[in-house]
C-alpha atoms as a PDB file:
ATOM      1  CA  MET A   1      26.394  28.283 -19.098  1.00  0.00           C
ATOM      2  CA  ASN A   2      25.694  31.716 -17.827  1.00  0.00           C
ATOM      3  CA  GLU A   3      27.445  32.464 -14.521  1.00  0.00           C
ATOM      4  CA  GLN A   4      24.251  33.909 -12.844  1.00  0.00           C
ATOM      5  CA  LEU A   5      22.471  30.715 -13.916  1.00  0.00           C
ATOM      6  CA  GLU A   6      25.074  28.524 -12.491  1.00  0.00           C
ATOM      7  CA  VAL A   7      24.982  30.444  -9.200  1.00  0.00           C
ATOM      8  CA  ALA A   8      21.128  30.113  -9.062  1.00  0.00           C
ATOM      9  CA  ILE A   9      21.435  26.468  -9.788  1.00  0.00           C
ATOM     10  CA  LEU A  10      23.970  25.838  -7.101  1.00  0.00           C
ATOM     11  CA  ASN A  11      21.813  27.859  -4.602  1.00  0.00           C
ATOM     12  CA  ASN A  12      18.866  25.717  -5.483  1.00  0.00           C
ATOM     13  CA  ILE A  13      20.809  22.566  -5.174  1.00  0.00           C
ATOM     14  CA  GLY A  14      22.216  23.629  -1.756  1.00  0.00           C
ATOM     15  CA  SER A  15      18.736  24.484  -0.606  1.00  0.00           C
ATOM     16  CA  THR A  16      17.330  21.105  -1.761  1.00  0.00           C
ATOM     17  CA  LEU A  17      20.267  19.265  -0.130  1.00  0.00           C
ATOM     18  CA  GLN A  18      19.500  20.969   3.232  1.00  0.00           C
ATOM     19  CA  PHE A  19      15.880  20.341   2.874  1.00  0.00           C
ATOM     20  CA  ILE A  20      16.503  16.522   2.164  1.00  0.00           C
ATOM     21  CA  LYS A  21      18.802  16.222   5.148  1.00  0.00           C
ATOM     22  CA  ASN A  22      16.138  17.871   7.356  1.00  0.00           C
ATOM     23  CA  GLN A  23      13.586  15.447   6.145  1.00  0.00           C
ATOM     24  CA  GLN A  24      15.924  12.569   6.987  1.00  0.00           C
ATOM     25  CA  TRP A  25      16.152  13.749  10.535  1.00  0.00           C
ATOM     26  CA  LYS A  26      12.439  14.281  10.734  1.00  0.00           C
ATOM     27  CA  VAL A  27      11.826  10.680   9.649  1.00  0.00           C
ATOM     28  CA  SER A  28      14.019   9.519  12.478  1.00  0.00           C
ATOM     29  CA  HIS A  29      12.377  11.788  14.965  1.00  0.00           C
ATOM     30  CA  TYR A  30       8.907  10.564  13.955  1.00  0.00           C
ATOM     31  CA  THR A  31      10.128   7.002  13.995  1.00  0.00           C
ATOM     32  CA  LEU A  32      11.304   7.276  17.535  1.00  0.00           C
ATOM     33  CA  LEU A  33       8.061   9.095  18.415  1.00  0.00           C
ATOM     34  CA  ILE A  34       6.030   6.123  17.080  1.00  0.00           C
ATOM     35  CA  TYR A  35       8.300   3.641  18.947  1.00  0.00           C
ATOM     36  CA  GLY A  36       7.502   5.617  22.171  1.00  0.00           C
ATOM     37  CA  ALA A  37       3.845   5.594  21.394  1.00  0.00           C
ATOM     38  CA  ILE A  38       3.952   1.912  20.853  1.00  0.00           C
ATOM     39  CA  ILE A  39       5.555   1.398  24.377  1.00  0.00           C
ATOM     40  CA  ALA A  40       3.035   3.794  25.891  1.00  0.00           C
ATOM     41  CA  ILE A  41       0.086   1.828  24.284  1.00  0.00           C
ATOM     42  CA  GLN A  42       1.560  -1.429  25.652  1.00  0.00           C
ATOM     43  CA  ARG A  43       1.978  -0.076  29.106  1.00  0.00           C
ATOM     44  CA  HIS A  44      -1.428   1.671  29.245  1.00  0.00           C
ATOM     45  CA  PHE A  45      -3.517  -1.215  27.807  1.00  0.00           C
ATOM     46  CA  ASP A  46      -3.350  -4.717  29.042  1.00  0.00           C
ATOM     47  CA  PHE A  47      -2.677  -6.865  25.912  1.00  0.00           C
ATOM     48  CA  GLU A  48      -2.306 -10.240  27.790  1.00  0.00           C
ATOM     49  CA  GLY A  49       0.397 -11.596  25.660  1.00  0.00           C
ATOM     50  CA  GLU A  50      -0.949 -10.115  22.443  1.00  0.00           C
ATOM     51  CA  ASN A  51       2.174  -8.236  21.808  1.00  0.00           C
ATOM     52  CA  VAL A  52       2.768  -9.615  18.395  1.00  0.00           C
ATOM     53  CA  ALA A  53       0.602  -6.849  16.887  1.00  0.00           C
ATOM     54  CA  LEU A  54       2.765  -4.169  18.677  1.00  0.00           C
ATOM     55  CA  ILE A  55       5.966  -5.860  17.538  1.00  0.00           C
ATOM     56  CA  GLY A  56       4.746  -6.106  14.069  1.00  0.00           C
ATOM     57  CA  LEU A  57       3.723  -2.424  14.133  1.00  0.00           C
ATOM     58  CA  ALA A  58       7.257  -1.625  15.389  1.00  0.00           C
ATOM     59  CA  PHE A  59       8.611  -3.631  12.558  1.00  0.00           C
ATOM     60  CA  ILE A  60       6.515  -1.918   9.941  1.00  0.00           C
ATOM     61  CA  VAL A  61       7.619   1.570  11.222  1.00  0.00           C
ATOM     62  CA  PHE A  62      11.160   0.364  11.166  1.00  0.00           C
ATOM     63  CA  ILE A  63      10.798  -0.835   7.439  1.00  0.00           C
ATOM     64  CA  ALA A  64       8.986   2.313   6.487  1.00  0.00           C
ATOM     65  CA  SER A  65      11.644   4.617   7.902  1.00  0.00           C
ATOM     66  CA  PHE A  66      14.416   2.528   6.286  1.00  0.00           C
ATOM     67  CA  ILE A  67      12.655   2.856   2.790  1.00  0.00           C
ATOM     68  CA  ILE A  68      11.963   6.577   3.198  1.00  0.00           C
ATOM     69  CA  ASN A  69      15.547   7.343   4.203  1.00  0.00           C
ATOM     70  CA  GLN A  70      16.741   5.269   1.234  1.00  0.00           C
ATOM     71  CA  LYS A  71      14.607   7.200  -1.201  1.00  0.00           C
ATOM     72  CA  LEU A  72      15.908  10.534   0.467  1.00  0.00           C
ATOM     73  CA  ASN A  73      19.462   9.247   0.188  1.00  0.00           C
ATOM     74  CA  LYS A  74      19.055   8.436  -3.561  1.00  0.00           C
ATOM     75  CA  SER A  75      17.776  12.044  -3.997  1.00  0.00           C
ATOM     76  CA  LEU A  76      20.703  13.365  -2.090  1.00  0.00           C
ATOM     77  CA  ASP A  77      23.133  11.346  -4.361  1.00  0.00           C
ATOM     78  CA  ASP A  78      21.424  12.752  -7.477  1.00  0.00           C
ATOM     79  CA  HIS A  79      21.845  16.313  -6.357  1.00  0.00           C
ATOM     80  CA  ARG A  80      25.409  15.767  -5.334  1.00  0.00           C
ATOM     81  CA  ARG A  81      26.041  14.537  -8.850  1.00  0.00           C
ATOM     82  CA  TYR A  82      24.511  17.683 -10.343  1.00  0.00           C
ATOM     83  CA  THR A  83      26.677  19.782  -8.118  1.00  0.00           C
ATOM     84  CA  THR A  84      29.833  17.802  -9.050  1.00  0.00           C
ATOM     85  CA  LYS A  85      28.970  18.336 -12.715  1.00  0.00           C
ATOM     86  CA  ILE A  86      28.661  21.990 -12.220  1.00  0.00           C
ATOM     87  CA  TYR A  87      31.887  22.069 -10.284  1.00  0.00           C
ATOM     88  CA  GLU A  88      33.834  20.012 -12.707  1.00  0.00           C
ATOM     89  CA  GLY A  89      32.698  22.234 -15.615  1.00  0.00           C
ATOM     90  CA  ASN A  90      33.963  25.343 -13.889  1.00  0.00           C
ATOM     91  CA  LYS A  91      36.846  23.868 -11.750  1.00  0.00           C
ATOM     92  CA  ASP A  92      39.555  26.517 -12.807  1.00  0.00           C
ATOM     93  CA  GLN A  93      37.195  29.409 -11.937  1.00  0.00           C
ATOM     94  CA  ILE A  94      36.097  27.877  -8.666  1.00  0.00           C
ATOM     95  CA  GLU A  95      39.670  27.093  -7.549  1.00  0.00           C
ATOM     96  CA  SER A  96      40.730  30.647  -8.520  1.00  0.00           C
ATOM     97  CA  TYR A  97      38.314  31.861  -5.826  1.00  0.00           C
ATOM     98  CA  GLY A  98      40.058  29.536  -3.251  1.00  0.00           C
ATOM     99  CA  ILE A  99      36.969  27.342  -2.950  1.00  0.00           C
ATOM    100  CA  PRO A 100      37.936  23.651  -2.381  1.00  0.00           C
ATOM    101  CA  ILE A 101      36.024  20.982  -4.287  1.00  0.00           C
ATOM    102  CA  ASN A 102      35.046  18.476  -1.772  1.00  0.00           C
ATOM    103  CA  GLN A 103      34.571  14.826  -2.612  1.00  0.00           C
ATOM    104  CA  THR A 104      31.661  13.121  -0.960  1.00  0.00           C
ATOM    105  CA  LEU A 105      32.142   9.789   0.734  1.00  0.00           C
ATOM    106  CA  ASP A 106      30.681   6.676  -0.847  1.00  0.00           C
ATOM    107  CA  ILE A 107      28.807   6.002   2.428  1.00  0.00           C
ATOM    108  CA  ASP A 108      26.813   8.828   3.792  1.00  0.00           C
ATOM    109  CA  ILE A 109      27.689   8.869   7.611  1.00  0.00           C
ATOM    110  CA  ILE A 110      24.530  10.548   8.584  1.00  0.00           C
ATOM    111  CA  SER A 111      22.454   7.994   6.824  1.00  0.00           C
ATOM    112  CA  LEU A 112      24.316   5.374   8.721  1.00  0.00           C
ATOM    113  CA  ILE A 113      23.611   7.061  12.028  1.00  0.00           C
ATOM    114  CA  LEU A 114      19.979   7.417  11.237  1.00  0.00           C
ATOM    115  CA  PHE A 115      19.752   3.749  10.271  1.00  0.00           C
ATOM    116  CA  CYS A 116      21.388   2.886  13.605  1.00  0.00           C
ATOM    117  CA  ILE A 117      18.946   5.035  15.442  1.00  0.00           C
ATOM    118  CA  ALA A 118      15.958   3.423  13.952  1.00  0.00           C
ATOM    119  CA  THR A 119      17.447  -0.053  14.435  1.00  0.00           C
ATOM    120  CA  ILE A 120      18.297   0.507  18.124  1.00  0.00           C
ATOM    121  CA  GLY A 121      14.883   2.164  18.725  1.00  0.00           C
ATOM    122  CA  PHE A 122      13.231  -0.968  17.142  1.00  0.00           C
ATOM    123  CA  VAL A 123      15.192  -3.342  19.326  1.00  0.00           C
ATOM    124  CA  ILE A 124      14.606  -1.420  22.367  1.00  0.00           C
ATOM    125  CA  THR A 125      10.874  -1.180  21.586  1.00  0.00           C
ATOM    126  CA  VAL A 126      10.607  -4.950  21.096  1.00  0.00           C
ATOM    127  CA  LEU A 127      12.613  -5.767  24.241  1.00  0.00           C
ATOM    128  CA  ILE A 128      10.308  -3.461  26.331  1.00  0.00           C
ATOM    129  CA  VAL A 129       7.073  -4.630  24.823  1.00  0.00           C
ATOM    130  CA  VAL A 130       8.257  -8.326  25.330  1.00  0.00           C
ATOM    131  CA  THR A 131       9.506  -7.975  28.815  1.00  0.00           C
ATOM    132  CA  HIS A 132       6.588  -5.901  30.060  1.00  0.00           C
ATOM    133  CA  SER A 133       3.840  -8.257  28.969  1.00  0.00           C
END
């Protein structure tokens, strides 16, 4: 493969990886924002024990954020595989520049943290909705 083409592909993959990571954080931010809105709605309006709908909405938001982050994670894995293939095909040349070839973890720590954020946010939202009814 042409060296300029390889550099262009790696730049594209790097930009895509950065974009996907930003999207994962945005999903978590919006998830927490919606949880906050659910709590604000519950406190502003008197639901008189009709909190099942709010808890159901919080659960739907939790599931949606989980599914979206899983799809983004799959896309990350695909792009990481592309990068690894390019690195492996040019290993000697890359190592001659002193660039280490990093191996990625099987478990993406950031994804785990984002899942924990969504889970804790869901639990806190449910607890607040239930205890303030």
